[in-house]
Every structure is written in structure tokens, then in C-alpha cells.
Amino acid sequence: MPPETFWTLLHDAAHWEFEIFLMVVFDGIIGYLGFKLFWPFIRKHWKHHVERDEREAAQPALTHTVLGAYGIREEDVISWTLTNDTLTVVFRSK
């Protein structure tokens, strides 16, 4: 039996058919299982960040409305949060 070399394997159709079969089987299995295992975590992470970005984009509009309702000027405020019915404001020192 002659020794196998790169050149003989390159021209052997059976070798390539077996390689393609292994690629389809194992890459398919690994890809499918990886998708099924990791997609829920990726989707949850993505949704969390999209919701946070939308919430932060709406905050400048809320700043004027919320702080103005309490007679607070935006120039006097460092940060503020509104949770449930509680407004917490951090003022600049004068």
C-alpha cells in the first residue's frame, strides 16, 4: 500500500466526501446545539439593553416635565431618579 501524502489526499474523491460528511454532521450538531443553548441568553441580554436605551432616550423629555412640576430648575440638579411615586433629586451645592 503506497503512503498517503497531501497530494494523494487532495485528489482522492472519497476523502473529500468523508470530510464533507463530517463537516455537515458535526458542524450542524454543534451549531444547532450552540444556538439552542445560547440564543435565550443573547435574546434576554439584547432586550434588556434595547429597553434601557429607550428609557434613557426618553429621560431628557421627562426631566423638564417632572422637575418642572415640582418647581425645580434643571440647572440646579446633578441627577435625579423617579421610582414608583418617589422623586429623588441630588442638587448642586451653591
C-alpha atoms as a PDB file:
ATOM      1  CA  MET A   1       0.000   0.000   0.000  1.00  0.00           C
ATOM      2  CA  PRO A   2       1.514   3.367  -1.008  1.00  0.00           C
ATOM      3  CA  PRO A   3       1.870   6.003   1.698  1.00  0.00           C
ATOM      4  CA  GLU A   4      -0.730   8.772   1.946  1.00  0.00           C
ATOM      5  CA  THR A   5       0.563  12.211   1.186  1.00  0.00           C
ATOM      6  CA  PHE A   6      -1.118  15.567   0.883  1.00  0.00           C
ATOM      7  CA  TRP A   7      -1.093  15.188  -2.894  1.00  0.00           C
ATOM      8  CA  THR A   8      -2.829  11.791  -2.845  1.00  0.00           C
ATOM      9  CA  LEU A   9      -5.483  13.009  -0.377  1.00  0.00           C
ATOM     10  CA  LEU A  10      -6.042  16.134  -2.461  1.00  0.00           C
ATOM     11  CA  HIS A  11      -7.000  14.046  -5.485  1.00  0.00           C
ATOM     12  CA  ASP A  12      -8.988  11.369  -3.608  1.00  0.00           C
ATOM     13  CA  ALA A  13     -12.756  11.937  -4.047  1.00  0.00           C
ATOM     14  CA  ALA A  14     -13.673   9.521  -1.235  1.00  0.00           C
ATOM     15  CA  HIS A  15     -11.532  11.517   1.175  1.00  0.00           C
ATOM     16  CA  TRP A  16     -13.375  14.747   0.335  1.00  0.00           C
ATOM     17  CA  GLU A  17     -16.793  13.088   0.531  1.00  0.00           C
ATOM     18  CA  PHE A  18     -15.955  11.857   4.022  1.00  0.00           C
ATOM     19  CA  GLU A  19     -14.619  15.289   5.045  1.00  0.00           C
ATOM     20  CA  ILE A  20     -17.822  16.984   3.848  1.00  0.00           C
ATOM     21  CA  PHE A  21     -19.940  14.383   5.634  1.00  0.00           C
ATOM     22  CA  LEU A  22     -18.081  15.010   8.905  1.00  0.00           C
ATOM     23  CA  MET A  23     -18.380  18.777   8.483  1.00  0.00           C
ATOM     24  CA  VAL A  24     -22.136  18.591   7.916  1.00  0.00           C
ATOM     25  CA  VAL A  25     -22.732  16.238  10.809  1.00  0.00           C
ATOM     26  CA  PHE A  26     -20.524  17.798  13.471  1.00  0.00           C
ATOM     27  CA  ASP A  27     -20.795  21.459  12.459  1.00  0.00           C
ATOM     28  CA  GLY A  28     -24.545  21.003  12.172  1.00  0.00           C
ATOM     29  CA  ILE A  29     -24.811  19.411  15.593  1.00  0.00           C
ATOM     30  CA  ILE A  30     -22.501  21.929  17.270  1.00  0.00           C
ATOM     31  CA  GLY A  31     -24.179  24.872  15.545  1.00  0.00           C
ATOM     32  CA  TYR A  32     -27.700  23.704  16.359  1.00  0.00           C
ATOM     33  CA  LEU A  33     -26.956  22.915  19.997  1.00  0.00           C
ATOM     34  CA  GLY A  34     -24.972  26.104  20.422  1.00  0.00           C
ATOM     35  CA  PHE A  35     -27.845  28.134  19.004  1.00  0.00           C
ATOM     36  CA  LYS A  36     -30.410  26.362  21.206  1.00  0.00           C
ATOM     37  CA  LEU A  37     -28.278  26.805  24.330  1.00  0.00           C
ATOM     38  CA  PHE A  38     -27.046  30.371  23.886  1.00  0.00           C
ATOM     39  CA  TRP A  39     -29.828  32.156  21.992  1.00  0.00           C
ATOM     40  CA  PRO A  40     -32.132  32.617  25.049  1.00  0.00           C
ATOM     41  CA  PHE A  41     -29.323  34.360  26.943  1.00  0.00           C
ATOM     42  CA  ILE A  42     -28.397  36.533  23.960  1.00  0.00           C
ATOM     43  CA  ARG A  43     -32.044  37.487  23.365  1.00  0.00           C
ATOM     44  CA  LYS A  44     -32.554  38.402  27.050  1.00  0.00           C
ATOM     45  CA  HIS A  45     -29.358  40.476  27.089  1.00  0.00           C
ATOM     46  CA  TRP A  46     -30.300  42.238  23.829  1.00  0.00           C
ATOM     47  CA  LYS A  47     -33.849  43.023  25.029  1.00  0.00           C
ATOM     48  CA  HIS A  48     -32.526  44.432  28.321  1.00  0.00           C
ATOM     49  CA  HIS A  49     -30.158  46.819  26.543  1.00  0.00           C
ATOM     50  CA  VAL A  50     -32.732  47.947  23.971  1.00  0.00           C
ATOM     51  CA  GLU A  51     -35.219  48.733  26.762  1.00  0.00           C
ATOM     52  CA  ARG A  52     -32.541  50.608  28.713  1.00  0.00           C
ATOM     53  CA  ASP A  53     -31.572  52.654  25.645  1.00  0.00           C
ATOM     54  CA  GLU A  54     -35.224  53.563  25.017  1.00  0.00           C
ATOM     55  CA  ARG A  55     -35.656  54.525  28.684  1.00  0.00           C
ATOM     56  CA  GLU A  56     -32.532  56.719  28.604  1.00  0.00           C
ATOM     57  CA  ALA A  57     -33.618  58.360  25.334  1.00  0.00           C
ATOM     58  CA  ALA A  58     -36.907  59.376  26.958  1.00  0.00           C
ATOM     59  CA  GLN A  59     -35.244  60.829  30.065  1.00  0.00           C
ATOM     60  CA  PRO A  60     -34.457  64.356  28.718  1.00  0.00           C
ATOM     61  CA  ALA A  61     -38.140  64.842  27.911  1.00  0.00           C
ATOM     62  CA  LEU A  62     -39.065  63.611  31.373  1.00  0.00           C
ATOM     63  CA  THR A  63     -36.524  65.902  33.041  1.00  0.00           C
ATOM     64  CA  HIS A  64     -38.337  69.065  32.038  1.00  0.00           C
ATOM     65  CA  THR A  65     -41.778  67.650  32.826  1.00  0.00           C
ATOM     66  CA  VAL A  66     -41.005  66.004  36.169  1.00  0.00           C
ATOM     67  CA  LEU A  67     -38.677  68.603  37.631  1.00  0.00           C
ATOM     68  CA  GLY A  68     -40.797  71.477  36.332  1.00  0.00           C
ATOM     69  CA  ALA A  69     -43.856  70.031  38.066  1.00  0.00           C
ATOM     70  CA  TYR A  70     -42.041  70.465  41.385  1.00  0.00           C
ATOM     71  CA  GLY A  71     -40.678  73.915  40.548  1.00  0.00           C
ATOM     72  CA  ILE A  72     -37.098  72.639  40.293  1.00  0.00           C
ATOM     73  CA  ARG A  73     -34.761  74.194  37.710  1.00  0.00           C
ATOM     74  CA  GLU A  74     -32.641  71.792  35.675  1.00  0.00           C
ATOM     75  CA  GLU A  75     -29.532  73.938  36.248  1.00  0.00           C
ATOM     76  CA  ASP A  76     -29.718  73.203  39.998  1.00  0.00           C
ATOM     77  CA  VAL A  77     -29.810  69.408  39.593  1.00  0.00           C
ATOM     78  CA  ILE A  78     -26.872  66.996  39.322  1.00  0.00           C
ATOM     79  CA  SER A  79     -29.014  63.856  38.954  1.00  0.00           C
ATOM     80  CA  TRP A  80     -32.492  62.600  39.684  1.00  0.00           C
ATOM     81  CA  THR A  81     -34.462  59.353  39.749  1.00  0.00           C
ATOM     82  CA  LEU A  82     -38.174  58.668  39.765  1.00  0.00           C
ATOM     83  CA  THR A  83     -39.178  55.296  41.233  1.00  0.00           C
ATOM     84  CA  ASN A  84     -42.837  54.492  41.777  1.00  0.00           C
ATOM     85  CA  ASP A  85     -44.117  57.751  43.322  1.00  0.00           C
ATOM     86  CA  THR A  86     -40.814  58.905  44.844  1.00  0.00           C
ATOM     87  CA  LEU A  87     -38.677  61.612  43.256  1.00  0.00           C
ATOM     88  CA  THR A  88     -35.066  61.638  44.457  1.00  0.00           C
ATOM     89  CA  VAL A  89     -33.041  64.696  43.440  1.00  0.00           C
ATOM     90  CA  VAL A  90     -29.337  65.446  44.001  1.00  0.00           C
ATOM     91  CA  PHE A  91     -28.841  69.225  43.975  1.00  0.00           C
ATOM     92  CA  ARG A  92     -25.721  71.220  43.195  1.00  0.00           C
ATOM     93  CA  SER A  93     -24.214  72.991  46.154  1.00  0.00           C
ATOM     94  CA  LYS A  94     -24.333  76.763  45.941  1.00  0.00           C
END
